[in-house]
């Protein structure tokens, strides 16, 4: 998992989203290491490339999905995707809109790079929770389907 935060990478801010995602993945049986914290922009691409090269089944990027000039996570991740799943991001926006109108400005992407599921989530804890709530309903099905299995729905 990758945290895109220039301030956290520089030690000027604490990352609060990485631990949430790591715990969520671990609870679902995915092997996780410590979150990789990188500056926004090209370092996100390098970190995702490394996780894909290491065979990660699920790659979650948090941060860099807004509209500030250095928010570039979607641009770094989208070219890696063989299959894009925009409905997942739309569902995350809808879920977040109940709490804050700011959720509609997230520019995340989701899809598959080979057999690895990759998604970019907002850098806020609320946005991450919304994203994980949506993924909780579909991730098992997505992975089963991409792996050639029937994927009959959530657990």
Protein backbone atom coordinates (compact mmCIF):
# COMPACT_ATOMS: atom_id res chain seq x y z
CA UNK A 1 0.00 0.00 0.00
CA UNK A 2 1.18 3.46 -0.92
CA UNK A 3 0.61 6.74 0.88
CA UNK A 4 0.97 9.73 -1.45
CA UNK A 5 1.80 12.64 0.82
CA UNK A 6 4.65 15.04 0.27
CA UNK A 7 4.38 16.36 3.83
CA UNK A 8 4.31 12.87 5.42
CA UNK A 9 7.22 11.75 3.24
CA UNK A 10 9.19 14.77 4.48
CA UNK A 11 8.33 13.96 8.12
CA UNK A 12 6.24 17.13 8.50
CA UNK A 13 2.87 15.37 8.94
CA UNK A 14 1.65 12.10 10.36
CA UNK A 15 0.05 9.59 8.01
CA UNK A 16 -3.27 8.44 9.46
CA UNK A 17 -4.63 6.56 6.44
CA UNK A 18 -1.92 3.94 5.96
CA UNK A 19 -2.56 2.21 9.29
CA UNK A 20 -6.32 2.04 8.54
CA UNK A 21 -5.70 0.38 5.18
CA UNK A 22 -3.01 -1.96 6.50
CA UNK A 23 -5.29 -3.15 9.28
CA UNK A 24 -8.22 -3.63 6.86
CA UNK A 25 -6.08 -5.66 4.45
CA UNK A 26 -4.61 -7.78 7.27
CA UNK A 27 -8.08 -8.54 8.62
CA UNK A 28 -8.94 -9.96 5.20
CA UNK A 29 -5.91 -12.20 5.06
CA UNK A 30 -3.64 -10.11 2.83
CA UNK A 31 0.05 -9.98 3.72
CA UNK A 32 1.04 -6.38 4.30
CA UNK A 33 4.20 -4.61 5.21
CA UNK A 34 4.49 -1.09 6.45
CA UNK A 35 2.85 1.49 4.19
CA UNK A 36 5.21 3.00 1.63
CA UNK A 37 5.04 6.77 2.16
CA UNK A 38 6.15 8.81 -0.85
CA UNK A 39 5.88 12.35 -2.13
CA UNK A 40 3.09 13.13 -4.56
CA UNK A 41 3.72 12.69 -8.27
CA UNK A 42 6.21 10.35 -9.95
CA UNK A 43 7.25 8.61 -6.69
CA UNK A 44 3.71 7.18 -6.54
CA UNK A 45 4.24 5.52 -9.93
CA UNK A 46 7.55 4.02 -8.82
CA UNK A 47 6.06 2.67 -5.59
CA UNK A 48 3.06 1.11 -7.37
CA UNK A 49 5.36 -0.37 -10.05
CA UNK A 50 7.42 -2.01 -7.29
CA UNK A 51 4.35 -3.51 -5.59
CA UNK A 52 3.09 -4.86 -8.91
CA UNK A 53 6.51 -6.32 -9.73
CA UNK A 54 6.46 -8.07 -6.34
CA UNK A 55 3.14 -9.72 -7.19
CA UNK A 56 0.84 -7.80 -4.84
CA UNK A 57 -2.73 -8.98 -5.31
CA UNK A 58 -4.21 -5.70 -4.04
CA UNK A 59 -2.53 -2.29 -4.28
CA UNK A 60 -4.20 0.62 -2.52
CA UNK A 61 -2.89 4.16 -2.94
CA UNK A 62 -4.16 6.82 -0.56
CA UNK A 63 -3.77 10.51 -1.27
CA UNK A 64 -3.11 12.61 -4.34
CA UNK A 65 -6.66 12.34 -5.73
CA UNK A 66 -7.73 15.95 -5.19
CA UNK A 67 -7.30 18.96 -7.43
CA UNK A 68 -4.21 20.69 -6.08
CA UNK A 69 -1.35 20.92 -8.59
CA UNK A 70 0.66 18.12 -6.96
CA UNK A 71 -2.31 15.71 -6.68
CA UNK A 72 -1.31 13.30 -9.43
CA UNK A 73 -2.07 9.80 -8.16
CA UNK A 74 -4.73 9.10 -10.82
CA UNK A 75 -2.34 10.19 -13.56
CA UNK A 76 0.40 7.96 -12.15
CA UNK A 77 -1.82 4.88 -11.75
CA UNK A 78 -4.25 4.99 -14.69
CA UNK A 79 -1.62 4.11 -17.35
CA UNK A 80 -0.83 0.91 -15.42
CA UNK A 81 -4.41 -0.38 -15.59
CA UNK A 82 -5.41 -2.96 -18.21
CA UNK A 83 -9.05 -2.79 -17.09
CA UNK A 84 -10.60 0.31 -15.50
CA UNK A 85 -13.55 0.08 -13.11
CA UNK A 86 -14.92 3.64 -12.79
CA UNK A 87 -18.10 2.47 -11.05
CA UNK A 88 -16.10 1.68 -7.93
CA UNK A 89 -14.89 5.27 -7.66
CA UNK A 90 -18.41 6.52 -8.37
CA UNK A 91 -19.73 4.38 -5.49
CA UNK A 92 -17.06 5.77 -3.14
CA UNK A 93 -18.02 9.33 -4.08
CA UNK A 94 -21.70 8.62 -3.47
CA UNK A 95 -20.98 7.05 -0.09
CA UNK A 96 -18.86 10.02 0.96
CA UNK A 97 -21.33 12.61 -0.24
CA UNK A 98 -23.62 11.72 2.68
CA UNK A 99 -20.92 13.13 5.00
CA UNK A 100 -19.32 15.88 2.94
CA UNK A 101 -19.90 17.48 -0.45
CA UNK A 102 -16.10 17.49 -0.88
CA UNK A 103 -16.20 13.77 -1.72
CA UNK A 104 -17.38 14.54 -5.24
CA UNK A 105 -14.07 16.16 -6.17
CA UNK A 106 -11.98 13.01 -5.70
CA UNK A 107 -10.43 11.89 -8.96
CA UNK A 108 -9.61 8.31 -8.08
CA UNK A 109 -9.14 5.38 -10.43
CA UNK A 110 -9.65 1.67 -9.93
CA UNK A 111 -9.00 -1.41 -12.01
CA UNK A 112 -6.67 -4.27 -12.76
CA UNK A 113 -3.02 -4.23 -13.75
CA UNK A 114 -2.67 -7.82 -14.86
CA UNK A 115 -4.19 -9.84 -12.04
CA UNK A 116 -3.55 -7.14 -9.39
CA UNK A 117 -6.42 -4.95 -8.26
CA UNK A 118 -5.29 -1.32 -7.93
CA UNK A 119 -7.23 1.62 -6.52
CA UNK A 120 -6.52 5.19 -5.49
CA UNK A 121 -8.41 6.50 -2.47
CA UNK A 122 -8.58 9.99 -1.01
CA UNK A 123 -5.99 11.01 1.56
CA UNK A 124 -8.53 11.67 4.31
CA UNK A 125 -9.48 9.07 6.89
CA UNK A 126 -13.15 9.56 6.01
CA UNK A 127 -12.46 9.03 2.31
CA UNK A 128 -10.44 5.92 3.08
CA UNK A 129 -13.20 4.52 5.29
CA UNK A 130 -15.75 5.15 2.53
CA UNK A 131 -13.49 3.41 0.01
CA UNK A 132 -12.88 0.41 2.23
CA UNK A 133 -16.61 0.10 2.95
CA UNK A 134 -17.28 -0.12 -0.79
CA UNK A 135 -14.41 -2.54 -1.37
CA UNK A 136 -15.55 -4.75 1.49
CA UNK A 137 -18.65 -5.61 -0.52
CA UNK A 138 -16.91 -6.45 -3.80
CA UNK A 139 -13.20 -7.19 -3.44
CA UNK A 140 -13.47 -10.96 -3.02
CA UNK A 141 -15.77 -11.16 -6.04
CA UNK A 142 -13.46 -8.98 -8.16
CA UNK A 143 -10.39 -11.06 -7.37
CA UNK A 144 -12.21 -14.33 -8.00
CA UNK A 145 -13.58 -13.12 -11.30
CA UNK A 146 -10.23 -11.78 -12.50
CA UNK A 147 -8.63 -15.07 -11.51
CA UNK A 148 -11.07 -16.94 -13.73
CA UNK A 149 -13.37 -18.10 -10.93
CA UNK A 150 -17.09 -17.59 -10.81
CA UNK A 151 -16.95 -14.93 -8.11
CA UNK A 152 -20.49 -15.31 -6.82
CA UNK A 153 -20.56 -12.22 -4.66
CA UNK A 154 -19.60 -11.10 -1.20
CA UNK A 155 -18.74 -13.49 1.59
